[in-house]
Amino acid sequence: MAHFDSEGVRTVRWKYIRYIECEPPYEQLFDLKHDPGEKRNLAGLAEHAEVLADMRARWKRLGREAR
């Protein structure tokens, strides 16, 4: 099985994962309230675009702070 480095952020409800070695980067978004087993990736669904954008922004902000 291939291994790809990932980074992510989470809130109480949402979990965002970004596989940084893929081109283009592969993203996952999970609603931990309704899908605690993280079985359904919501990143590609239009109805979750705002949440995805917010979680991307959190990830970018944390990345800048860590450098």
C-alpha atoms as a PDB file:
ATOM      1  CA  MET A   1       0.000   0.000   0.000  1.00  0.00           C
ATOM      2  CA  ALA A   2       1.311   3.448  -0.946  1.00  0.00           C
ATOM      3  CA  HIS A   3       1.942   5.990   1.767  1.00  0.00           C
ATOM      4  CA  PHE A   4       1.359   9.699   1.199  1.00  0.00           C
ATOM      5  CA  ASP A   5       2.132  12.464   3.669  1.00  0.00           C
ATOM      6  CA  SER A   6      -0.891  14.342   4.869  1.00  0.00           C
ATOM      7  CA  GLU A   7      -1.725  17.367   6.949  1.00  0.00           C
ATOM      8  CA  GLY A   8      -5.028  18.397   8.396  1.00  0.00           C
ATOM      9  CA  VAL A   9      -7.125  20.319  10.850  1.00  0.00           C
ATOM     10  CA  ARG A  10     -10.270  19.549  12.747  1.00  0.00           C
ATOM     11  CA  THR A  11     -12.980  21.168  14.750  1.00  0.00           C
ATOM     12  CA  VAL A  12     -15.458  19.466  17.026  1.00  0.00           C
ATOM     13  CA  ARG A  13     -17.627  18.721  13.980  1.00  0.00           C
ATOM     14  CA  TRP A  14     -15.353  18.756  10.899  1.00  0.00           C
ATOM     15  CA  LYS A  15     -12.118  17.042   9.893  1.00  0.00           C
ATOM     16  CA  TYR A  16     -10.086  18.209   6.876  1.00  0.00           C
ATOM     17  CA  ILE A  17      -7.174  16.197   5.492  1.00  0.00           C
ATOM     18  CA  ARG A  18      -4.914  17.236   2.624  1.00  0.00           C
ATOM     19  CA  TYR A  19      -2.513  14.766   1.014  1.00  0.00           C
ATOM     20  CA  ILE A  20       0.330  17.102   0.173  1.00  0.00           C
ATOM     21  CA  GLU A  21       2.473  14.852  -2.029  1.00  0.00           C
ATOM     22  CA  CYS A  22      -0.277  14.299  -4.608  1.00  0.00           C
ATOM     23  CA  GLU A  23      -0.568  16.563  -7.638  1.00  0.00           C
ATOM     24  CA  PRO A  24      -3.110  18.003  -7.584  1.00  0.00           C
ATOM     25  CA  PRO A  25      -3.435  17.680  -3.808  1.00  0.00           C
ATOM     26  CA  TYR A  26      -6.131  15.257  -2.680  1.00  0.00           C
ATOM     27  CA  GLU A  27      -8.533  16.500  -0.012  1.00  0.00           C
ATOM     28  CA  GLN A  28     -10.937  14.849   2.368  1.00  0.00           C
ATOM     29  CA  LEU A  29     -13.662  16.467   4.452  1.00  0.00           C
ATOM     30  CA  PHE A  30     -15.620  14.537   7.044  1.00  0.00           C
ATOM     31  CA  ASP A  31     -18.627  15.550   9.134  1.00  0.00           C
ATOM     32  CA  LEU A  32     -17.744  13.909  12.435  1.00  0.00           C
ATOM     33  CA  LYS A  33     -21.204  14.593  13.867  1.00  0.00           C
ATOM     34  CA  HIS A  34     -23.018  12.569  11.194  1.00  0.00           C
ATOM     35  CA  ASP A  35     -20.155  10.296  10.092  1.00  0.00           C
ATOM     36  CA  PRO A  36     -17.908   9.539  13.087  1.00  0.00           C
ATOM     37  CA  GLY A  37     -16.390   6.579  11.216  1.00  0.00           C
ATOM     38  CA  GLU A  38     -15.180   8.915   8.425  1.00  0.00           C
ATOM     39  CA  LYS A  39     -16.681   6.809   5.652  1.00  0.00           C
ATOM     40  CA  ARG A  40     -18.036   9.556   3.360  1.00  0.00           C
ATOM     41  CA  ASN A  41     -15.669  12.157   1.893  1.00  0.00           C
ATOM     42  CA  LEU A  42     -17.652  15.384   1.449  1.00  0.00           C
ATOM     43  CA  ALA A  43     -14.867  17.450  -0.149  1.00  0.00           C
ATOM     44  CA  GLY A  44     -16.264  17.200  -3.682  1.00  0.00           C
ATOM     45  CA  LEU A  45     -19.863  18.062  -2.846  1.00  0.00           C
ATOM     46  CA  ALA A  46     -21.103  21.555  -3.685  1.00  0.00           C
ATOM     47  CA  GLU A  47     -23.296  21.755  -0.571  1.00  0.00           C
ATOM     48  CA  HIS A  48     -20.151  21.602   1.584  1.00  0.00           C
ATOM     49  CA  ALA A  49     -18.072  24.110  -0.425  1.00  0.00           C
ATOM     50  CA  GLU A  50     -18.226  26.788   2.312  1.00  0.00           C
ATOM     51  CA  VAL A  51     -17.097  24.376   5.018  1.00  0.00           C
ATOM     52  CA  LEU A  52     -14.313  23.103   2.754  1.00  0.00           C
ATOM     53  CA  ALA A  53     -13.134  26.672   2.066  1.00  0.00           C
ATOM     54  CA  ASP A  54     -13.164  27.461   5.795  1.00  0.00           C
ATOM     55  CA  MET A  55     -11.196  24.320   6.674  1.00  0.00           C
ATOM     56  CA  ARG A  56      -8.655  25.030   3.886  1.00  0.00           C
ATOM     57  CA  ALA A  57      -8.185  28.529   5.318  1.00  0.00           C
ATOM     58  CA  ARG A  58      -7.656  27.097   8.814  1.00  0.00           C
ATOM     59  CA  TRP A  59      -5.101  24.638   7.409  1.00  0.00           C
ATOM     60  CA  LYS A  60      -3.218  27.412   5.571  1.00  0.00           C
ATOM     61  CA  ARG A  61      -3.243  29.661   8.649  1.00  0.00           C
ATOM     62  CA  LEU A  62      -1.908  26.910  10.903  1.00  0.00           C
ATOM     63  CA  GLY A  63       0.760  26.052   8.340  1.00  0.00           C
ATOM     64  CA  ARG A  64       1.975  29.655   8.278  1.00  0.00           C
ATOM     65  CA  GLU A  65       2.014  29.810  12.071  1.00  0.00           C
ATOM     66  CA  ALA A  66       4.042  26.592  12.304  1.00  0.00           C
ATOM     67  CA  ARG A  67       6.795  27.802   9.971  1.00  0.00           C
END
